[in-house]
Amino acid sequence: MLNREKPPIMGVWNGVGGKYEAGETADEGAIREVFEETGIKVNEYYSKGVITWDKNDGEKDGLHVYLFEVDATLGNESIQKTREGILDWKQIDWIINPNNLGIAKMVLQYLPVLLEKENDYLFEYKDGIVKLIV
């Protein structure tokens, strides 16, 4: 997980990622962003769906959500300071604990669903709540 040093979601733990570039697919952008933020080359990943929200100008925005597997020995790596923030491995139970105030609120709402079932989901984020659409 990444504890971001700049907006959005500054100062809380969140998944790694970012925007995909012109000419990239969402998959390609996710793989590139994970490498840029962690140094990990992702070989096997799972698309888990899309989260959308309305921007202030009335337009829709959103993000693609992926889960990926890494070699278990990577979990032994120590905390790293990166240009984006602090990178550290966290246990799933710690991440999804409802009493954990250090996790991005959106992650607490959608991650348990993504871990529970194998599907591509559509979520809508509105008024601080992530709602499962499909």
N, C-alpha and C. Protein backbone atom coordinates (compact mmCIF):
# COMPACT_ATOMS: atom_id res chain seq x y z
N MET A 1 0.85 -1.17 0.00
CA MET A 1 0.00 0.00 0.00
C MET A 1 0.90 1.23 0.00
N LEU A 2 0.33 2.32 -0.41
CA LEU A 2 1.07 3.58 -0.52
C LEU A 2 0.42 4.64 0.36
N ASN A 3 1.21 5.24 1.24
CA ASN A 3 0.74 6.37 2.03
C ASN A 3 1.19 7.61 1.27
N ARG A 4 0.25 8.23 0.60
CA ARG A 4 0.56 9.31 -0.34
C ARG A 4 1.01 10.59 0.35
N GLU A 5 1.97 11.26 -0.29
CA GLU A 5 2.47 12.54 0.23
C GLU A 5 1.86 13.74 -0.45
N LYS A 6 0.99 13.49 -1.43
CA LYS A 6 0.36 14.61 -2.13
C LYS A 6 -1.07 14.24 -2.47
N PRO A 7 -1.91 15.24 -2.74
CA PRO A 7 -3.31 14.96 -3.10
C PRO A 7 -3.39 14.18 -4.41
N PRO A 8 -4.43 13.45 -4.66
CA PRO A 8 -5.58 13.25 -3.77
C PRO A 8 -5.25 12.18 -2.72
N ILE A 9 -6.03 12.13 -1.72
CA ILE A 9 -5.93 11.14 -0.64
C ILE A 9 -4.56 11.20 0.02
N MET A 10 -4.13 12.38 0.35
CA MET A 10 -2.84 12.59 0.99
C MET A 10 -2.87 12.14 2.45
N GLY A 11 -1.83 11.41 2.86
CA GLY A 11 -1.67 11.04 4.27
C GLY A 11 -2.39 9.80 4.71
N VAL A 12 -3.00 9.06 3.79
CA VAL A 12 -3.65 7.80 4.15
C VAL A 12 -3.15 6.69 3.23
N TRP A 13 -3.34 5.47 3.67
CA TRP A 13 -2.91 4.31 2.88
C TRP A 13 -3.94 4.03 1.79
N ASN A 14 -3.42 3.79 0.59
CA ASN A 14 -4.26 3.54 -0.58
C ASN A 14 -3.51 2.56 -1.47
N GLY A 15 -4.20 2.00 -2.44
CA GLY A 15 -3.53 1.17 -3.42
C GLY A 15 -2.66 2.02 -4.33
N VAL A 16 -1.75 1.38 -5.03
CA VAL A 16 -0.91 2.11 -5.98
C VAL A 16 -1.66 2.25 -7.29
N GLY A 17 -1.27 3.23 -8.09
CA GLY A 17 -1.91 3.41 -9.39
C GLY A 17 -1.84 4.84 -9.83
N GLY A 18 -2.54 5.11 -10.90
CA GLY A 18 -2.56 6.46 -11.45
C GLY A 18 -3.30 6.47 -12.77
N LYS A 19 -3.08 7.49 -13.51
CA LYS A 19 -3.78 7.67 -14.79
C LYS A 19 -3.04 6.94 -15.91
N TYR A 20 -3.81 6.41 -16.86
CA TYR A 20 -3.14 5.84 -18.01
C TYR A 20 -2.91 6.93 -19.05
N GLU A 21 -1.88 6.73 -19.84
CA GLU A 21 -1.45 7.74 -20.79
C GLU A 21 -2.13 7.54 -22.15
N ALA A 22 -2.08 8.58 -22.97
CA ALA A 22 -2.65 8.50 -24.32
C ALA A 22 -2.06 7.30 -25.05
N GLY A 23 -2.93 6.52 -25.66
CA GLY A 23 -2.49 5.35 -26.41
C GLY A 23 -2.38 4.09 -25.58
N GLU A 24 -2.50 4.19 -24.26
CA GLU A 24 -2.44 3.03 -23.39
C GLU A 24 -3.84 2.50 -23.11
N THR A 25 -3.94 1.20 -22.96
CA THR A 25 -5.17 0.63 -22.44
C THR A 25 -5.14 0.77 -20.92
N ALA A 26 -6.27 0.55 -20.28
CA ALA A 26 -6.31 0.60 -18.82
C ALA A 26 -5.37 -0.46 -18.23
N ASP A 27 -5.33 -1.64 -18.84
CA ASP A 27 -4.43 -2.70 -18.38
C ASP A 27 -2.98 -2.26 -18.46
N GLU A 28 -2.58 -1.72 -19.60
CA GLU A 28 -1.19 -1.28 -19.79
C GLU A 28 -0.83 -0.17 -18.80
N GLY A 29 -1.75 0.75 -18.58
CA GLY A 29 -1.51 1.83 -17.64
C GLY A 29 -1.34 1.32 -16.22
N ALA A 30 -2.16 0.34 -15.84
CA ALA A 30 -2.06 -0.23 -14.49
C ALA A 30 -0.72 -0.90 -14.28
N ILE A 31 -0.29 -1.69 -15.25
CA ILE A 31 1.00 -2.38 -15.15
C ILE A 31 2.14 -1.36 -15.06
N ARG A 32 2.10 -0.33 -15.88
CA ARG A 32 3.14 0.70 -15.86
C ARG A 32 3.15 1.44 -14.53
N GLU A 33 1.97 1.85 -14.05
CA GLU A 33 1.90 2.60 -12.80
C GLU A 33 2.41 1.77 -11.62
N VAL A 34 2.06 0.49 -11.56
CA VAL A 34 2.56 -0.35 -10.47
C VAL A 34 4.08 -0.40 -10.52
N PHE A 35 4.64 -0.56 -11.71
CA PHE A 35 6.10 -0.60 -11.82
C PHE A 35 6.73 0.74 -11.42
N GLU A 36 6.15 1.83 -11.90
CA GLU A 36 6.72 3.15 -11.58
C GLU A 36 6.67 3.45 -10.08
N GLU A 37 5.60 3.02 -9.41
CA GLU A 37 5.44 3.36 -8.00
C GLU A 37 6.07 2.35 -7.05
N THR A 38 6.31 1.11 -7.54
CA THR A 38 6.82 0.07 -6.64
C THR A 38 8.10 -0.61 -7.12
N GLY A 39 8.37 -0.55 -8.42
CA GLY A 39 9.50 -1.30 -8.98
C GLY A 39 9.15 -2.75 -9.25
N ILE A 40 7.89 -3.14 -9.04
CA ILE A 40 7.45 -4.53 -9.25
C ILE A 40 6.91 -4.68 -10.66
N LYS A 41 7.40 -5.71 -11.36
CA LYS A 41 6.87 -6.03 -12.69
C LYS A 41 5.73 -7.02 -12.51
N VAL A 42 4.54 -6.59 -12.88
CA VAL A 42 3.34 -7.41 -12.72
C VAL A 42 3.19 -8.31 -13.94
N ASN A 43 3.09 -9.62 -13.68
CA ASN A 43 2.87 -10.58 -14.76
C ASN A 43 1.43 -11.07 -14.79
N GLU A 44 0.88 -11.31 -13.61
CA GLU A 44 -0.48 -11.84 -13.53
C GLU A 44 -1.34 -10.87 -12.72
N TYR A 45 -2.42 -10.40 -13.34
CA TYR A 45 -3.29 -9.45 -12.66
C TYR A 45 -4.73 -9.78 -13.01
N TYR A 46 -5.63 -9.23 -12.22
CA TYR A 46 -7.06 -9.50 -12.39
C TYR A 46 -7.81 -8.18 -12.42
N SER A 47 -8.50 -7.94 -13.51
CA SER A 47 -9.36 -6.77 -13.58
C SER A 47 -10.55 -7.03 -12.67
N LYS A 48 -10.86 -6.07 -11.80
CA LYS A 48 -11.96 -6.25 -10.86
C LYS A 48 -13.09 -5.26 -11.08
N GLY A 49 -12.95 -4.38 -12.07
CA GLY A 49 -14.06 -3.50 -12.37
C GLY A 49 -13.69 -2.03 -12.40
N VAL A 50 -14.73 -1.21 -12.30
CA VAL A 50 -14.59 0.24 -12.43
C VAL A 50 -15.38 0.92 -11.32
N ILE A 51 -14.81 1.99 -10.79
CA ILE A 51 -15.51 2.86 -9.84
C ILE A 51 -15.67 4.21 -10.53
N THR A 52 -16.89 4.73 -10.58
CA THR A 52 -17.13 6.03 -11.22
C THR A 52 -17.64 7.03 -10.20
N TRP A 53 -17.49 8.31 -10.54
CA TRP A 53 -18.02 9.40 -9.72
C TRP A 53 -18.25 10.61 -10.59
N ASP A 54 -19.07 11.52 -10.10
CA ASP A 54 -19.32 12.79 -10.79
C ASP A 54 -18.30 13.82 -10.34
N LYS A 55 -17.71 14.51 -11.30
CA LYS A 55 -16.78 15.60 -10.97
C LYS A 55 -17.59 16.88 -10.74
N ASN A 56 -16.92 17.90 -10.23
CA ASN A 56 -17.59 19.18 -9.95
C ASN A 56 -18.22 19.81 -11.18
N ASP A 57 -17.65 19.53 -12.36
CA ASP A 57 -18.18 20.13 -13.59
C ASP A 57 -19.32 19.31 -14.19
N GLY A 58 -19.77 18.27 -13.48
CA GLY A 58 -20.87 17.45 -13.96
C GLY A 58 -20.43 16.28 -14.82
N GLU A 59 -19.17 16.25 -15.22
CA GLU A 59 -18.64 15.14 -16.01
C GLU A 59 -18.39 13.93 -15.11
N LYS A 60 -18.35 12.75 -15.73
CA LYS A 60 -18.03 11.52 -15.00
C LYS A 60 -16.52 11.30 -15.02
N ASP A 61 -16.01 10.73 -13.96
CA ASP A 61 -14.62 10.29 -13.90
C ASP A 61 -14.64 8.92 -13.26
N GLY A 62 -13.51 8.26 -13.22
CA GLY A 62 -13.49 6.95 -12.61
C GLY A 62 -12.12 6.33 -12.62
N LEU A 63 -12.08 5.11 -12.10
CA LEU A 63 -10.83 4.37 -12.10
C LEU A 63 -11.12 2.90 -12.30
N HIS A 64 -10.16 2.24 -12.92
CA HIS A 64 -10.20 0.79 -13.09
C HIS A 64 -9.49 0.19 -11.89
N VAL A 65 -10.03 -0.90 -11.36
CA VAL A 65 -9.46 -1.53 -10.18
C VAL A 65 -8.91 -2.90 -10.57
N TYR A 66 -7.68 -3.17 -10.12
CA TYR A 66 -7.01 -4.43 -10.40
C TYR A 66 -6.47 -5.01 -9.10
N LEU A 67 -6.40 -6.32 -9.05
CA LEU A 67 -5.66 -7.02 -8.02
C LEU A 67 -4.56 -7.79 -8.73
N PHE A 68 -3.42 -7.94 -8.09
CA PHE A 68 -2.37 -8.74 -8.70
C PHE A 68 -1.65 -9.53 -7.63
N GLU A 69 -1.03 -10.62 -8.08
CA GLU A 69 -0.30 -11.49 -7.17
C GLU A 69 1.18 -11.25 -7.33
N VAL A 70 1.89 -11.34 -6.23
CA VAL A 70 3.35 -11.21 -6.25
C VAL A 70 3.95 -12.37 -5.47
N ASP A 71 5.22 -12.60 -5.67
CA ASP A 71 5.95 -13.62 -4.94
C ASP A 71 5.88 -13.30 -3.44
N ALA A 72 5.61 -14.30 -2.63
CA ALA A 72 5.45 -14.08 -1.19
C ALA A 72 6.69 -13.47 -0.55
N THR A 73 7.86 -13.70 -1.12
CA THR A 73 9.08 -13.15 -0.53
C THR A 73 9.12 -11.63 -0.64
N LEU A 74 8.36 -11.05 -1.56
CA LEU A 74 8.33 -9.60 -1.67
C LEU A 74 7.72 -8.97 -0.42
N GLY A 75 6.86 -9.70 0.24
CA GLY A 75 6.23 -9.19 1.46
C GLY A 75 7.21 -8.99 2.61
N ASN A 76 8.41 -9.52 2.46
CA ASN A 76 9.44 -9.34 3.49
C ASN A 76 10.24 -8.07 3.28
N GLU A 77 9.99 -7.36 2.19
CA GLU A 77 10.71 -6.12 1.91
C GLU A 77 10.39 -5.09 2.98
N SER A 78 11.36 -4.26 3.27
CA SER A 78 11.14 -3.22 4.28
C SER A 78 10.39 -2.03 3.68
N ILE A 79 9.95 -1.16 4.55
CA ILE A 79 9.25 0.06 4.13
C ILE A 79 10.17 0.86 3.21
N GLN A 80 9.59 1.40 2.14
CA GLN A 80 10.37 2.19 1.18
C GLN A 80 9.79 3.58 1.05
N LYS A 81 10.64 4.56 0.96
CA LYS A 81 10.24 5.93 0.65
C LYS A 81 10.35 6.08 -0.85
N THR A 82 9.27 6.51 -1.49
CA THR A 82 9.27 6.71 -2.94
C THR A 82 8.90 8.16 -3.24
N ARG A 83 8.93 8.51 -4.51
CA ARG A 83 8.55 9.88 -4.89
C ARG A 83 7.07 10.15 -4.64
N GLU A 84 6.26 9.10 -4.54
CA GLU A 84 4.82 9.25 -4.30
C GLU A 84 4.47 9.26 -2.82
N GLY A 85 5.31 8.63 -2.00
CA GLY A 85 5.02 8.53 -0.57
C GLY A 85 5.75 7.36 0.06
N ILE A 86 5.11 6.74 1.05
CA ILE A 86 5.70 5.62 1.77
C ILE A 86 5.03 4.34 1.29
N LEU A 87 5.84 3.39 0.86
CA LEU A 87 5.34 2.12 0.33
C LEU A 87 5.60 1.03 1.37
N ASP A 88 4.56 0.26 1.70
CA ASP A 88 4.71 -0.80 2.69
C ASP A 88 3.69 -1.90 2.42
N TRP A 89 4.06 -3.12 2.77
CA TRP A 89 3.16 -4.26 2.67
C TRP A 89 2.26 -4.27 3.90
N LYS A 90 0.98 -4.49 3.70
CA LYS A 90 0.01 -4.56 4.79
C LYS A 90 -0.79 -5.85 4.66
N GLN A 91 -1.17 -6.42 5.80
CA GLN A 91 -2.02 -7.61 5.81
C GLN A 91 -3.45 -7.21 5.43
N ILE A 92 -4.13 -8.08 4.71
CA ILE A 92 -5.51 -7.81 4.28
C ILE A 92 -6.40 -7.49 5.48
N ASP A 93 -6.29 -8.28 6.54
CA ASP A 93 -7.13 -8.04 7.72
C ASP A 93 -6.93 -6.64 8.29
N TRP A 94 -5.70 -6.14 8.25
CA TRP A 94 -5.41 -4.79 8.73
C TRP A 94 -6.04 -3.75 7.80
N ILE A 95 -5.94 -4.01 6.50
CA ILE A 95 -6.45 -3.05 5.51
C ILE A 95 -7.96 -2.89 5.63
N ILE A 96 -8.67 -4.01 5.75
CA ILE A 96 -10.14 -3.93 5.71
C ILE A 96 -10.79 -3.85 7.10
N ASN A 97 -9.99 -3.69 8.14
CA ASN A 97 -10.55 -3.53 9.48
C ASN A 97 -11.35 -2.23 9.54
N PRO A 98 -12.64 -2.30 9.88
CA PRO A 98 -13.48 -1.10 9.88
C PRO A 98 -13.03 -0.03 10.88
N ASN A 99 -12.20 -0.40 11.84
CA ASN A 99 -11.68 0.57 12.81
C ASN A 99 -10.40 1.24 12.35
N ASN A 100 -9.91 0.88 11.18
CA ASN A 100 -8.65 1.43 10.67
C ASN A 100 -8.92 2.80 10.05
N LEU A 101 -8.52 3.84 10.73
CA LEU A 101 -8.74 5.20 10.24
C LEU A 101 -7.66 5.65 9.27
N GLY A 102 -6.63 4.83 9.08
CA GLY A 102 -5.52 5.21 8.21
C GLY A 102 -5.66 4.76 6.77
N ILE A 103 -6.77 4.13 6.43
CA ILE A 103 -7.00 3.63 5.07
C ILE A 103 -7.96 4.56 4.35
N ALA A 104 -7.73 4.76 3.06
CA ALA A 104 -8.66 5.56 2.25
C ALA A 104 -10.06 4.97 2.40
N LYS A 105 -11.04 5.81 2.70
CA LYS A 105 -12.41 5.36 2.96
C LYS A 105 -12.97 4.53 1.82
N MET A 106 -12.68 4.94 0.59
CA MET A 106 -13.20 4.21 -0.56
C MET A 106 -12.69 2.77 -0.57
N VAL A 107 -11.42 2.57 -0.22
CA VAL A 107 -10.83 1.22 -0.19
C VAL A 107 -11.56 0.34 0.80
N LEU A 108 -11.86 0.86 1.98
CA LEU A 108 -12.59 0.08 2.99
C LEU A 108 -13.95 -0.37 2.48
N GLN A 109 -14.53 0.39 1.57
CA GLN A 109 -15.87 0.08 1.07
C GLN A 109 -15.85 -0.92 -0.08
N TYR A 110 -14.87 -0.83 -0.98
CA TYR A 110 -14.92 -1.73 -2.14
C TYR A 110 -14.02 -2.95 -2.05
N LEU A 111 -12.92 -2.89 -1.31
CA LEU A 111 -11.98 -4.01 -1.30
C LEU A 111 -12.58 -5.31 -0.78
N PRO A 112 -13.36 -5.32 0.30
CA PRO A 112 -13.95 -6.59 0.74
C PRO A 112 -14.79 -7.26 -0.35
N VAL A 113 -15.52 -6.49 -1.13
CA VAL A 113 -16.33 -7.05 -2.22
C VAL A 113 -15.41 -7.66 -3.28
N LEU A 114 -14.35 -6.95 -3.65
CA LEU A 114 -13.45 -7.43 -4.69
C LEU A 114 -12.73 -8.71 -4.28
N LEU A 115 -12.43 -8.85 -3.01
CA LEU A 115 -11.73 -10.03 -2.52
C LEU A 115 -12.65 -11.23 -2.37
N GLU A 116 -13.94 -10.97 -2.22
CA GLU A 116 -14.91 -12.03 -1.94
C GLU A 116 -15.27 -12.86 -3.17
N LYS A 117 -15.44 -12.22 -4.31
CA LYS A 117 -15.96 -12.91 -5.48
C LYS A 117 -15.13 -12.59 -6.72
N GLU A 118 -15.13 -13.54 -7.66
CA GLU A 118 -14.42 -13.34 -8.92
C GLU A 118 -15.38 -12.76 -9.95
N ASN A 119 -15.33 -11.47 -10.11
CA ASN A 119 -16.17 -10.79 -11.08
C ASN A 119 -15.54 -9.46 -11.43
N ASP A 120 -16.04 -8.86 -12.49
CA ASP A 120 -15.76 -7.46 -12.79
C ASP A 120 -16.97 -6.69 -12.25
N TYR A 121 -16.72 -5.68 -11.45
CA TYR A 121 -17.79 -4.94 -10.80
C TYR A 121 -17.88 -3.51 -11.32
N LEU A 122 -19.04 -2.92 -11.15
CA LEU A 122 -19.22 -1.50 -11.41
C LEU A 122 -19.72 -0.88 -10.10
N PHE A 123 -18.96 0.09 -9.60
CA PHE A 123 -19.30 0.82 -8.38
C PHE A 123 -19.52 2.27 -8.74
N GLU A 124 -20.34 2.94 -7.95
CA GLU A 124 -20.49 4.39 -8.07
C GLU A 124 -20.14 5.01 -6.72
N TYR A 125 -19.31 6.04 -6.76
CA TYR A 125 -18.90 6.75 -5.54
C TYR A 125 -19.64 8.07 -5.50
N LYS A 126 -20.46 8.25 -4.46
CA LYS A 126 -21.25 9.47 -4.34
C LYS A 126 -21.46 9.80 -2.87
N ASP A 127 -21.24 11.05 -2.52
CA ASP A 127 -21.43 11.52 -1.14
C ASP A 127 -20.66 10.68 -0.13
N GLY A 128 -19.44 10.27 -0.50
CA GLY A 128 -18.58 9.52 0.41
C GLY A 128 -18.91 8.05 0.55
N ILE A 129 -19.82 7.55 -0.28
CA ILE A 129 -20.22 6.15 -0.18
C ILE A 129 -20.01 5.47 -1.53
N VAL A 130 -19.39 4.27 -1.49
CA VAL A 130 -19.22 3.45 -2.68
C VAL A 130 -20.40 2.50 -2.75
N LYS A 131 -21.15 2.57 -3.85
CA LYS A 131 -22.34 1.74 -4.03
C LYS A 131 -22.07 0.74 -5.15
N LEU A 132 -22.31 -0.54 -4.88
CA LEU A 132 -22.16 -1.58 -5.88
C LEU A 132 -23.34 -1.51 -6.84
N ILE A 133 -23.05 -1.30 -8.13
CA ILE A 133 -24.10 -1.22 -9.15
C ILE A 133 -24.33 -2.60 -9.77
N VAL A 134 -23.26 -3.24 -10.21
CA VAL A 134 -23.34 -4.57 -10.84
C VAL A 134 -22.20 -5.41 -10.33
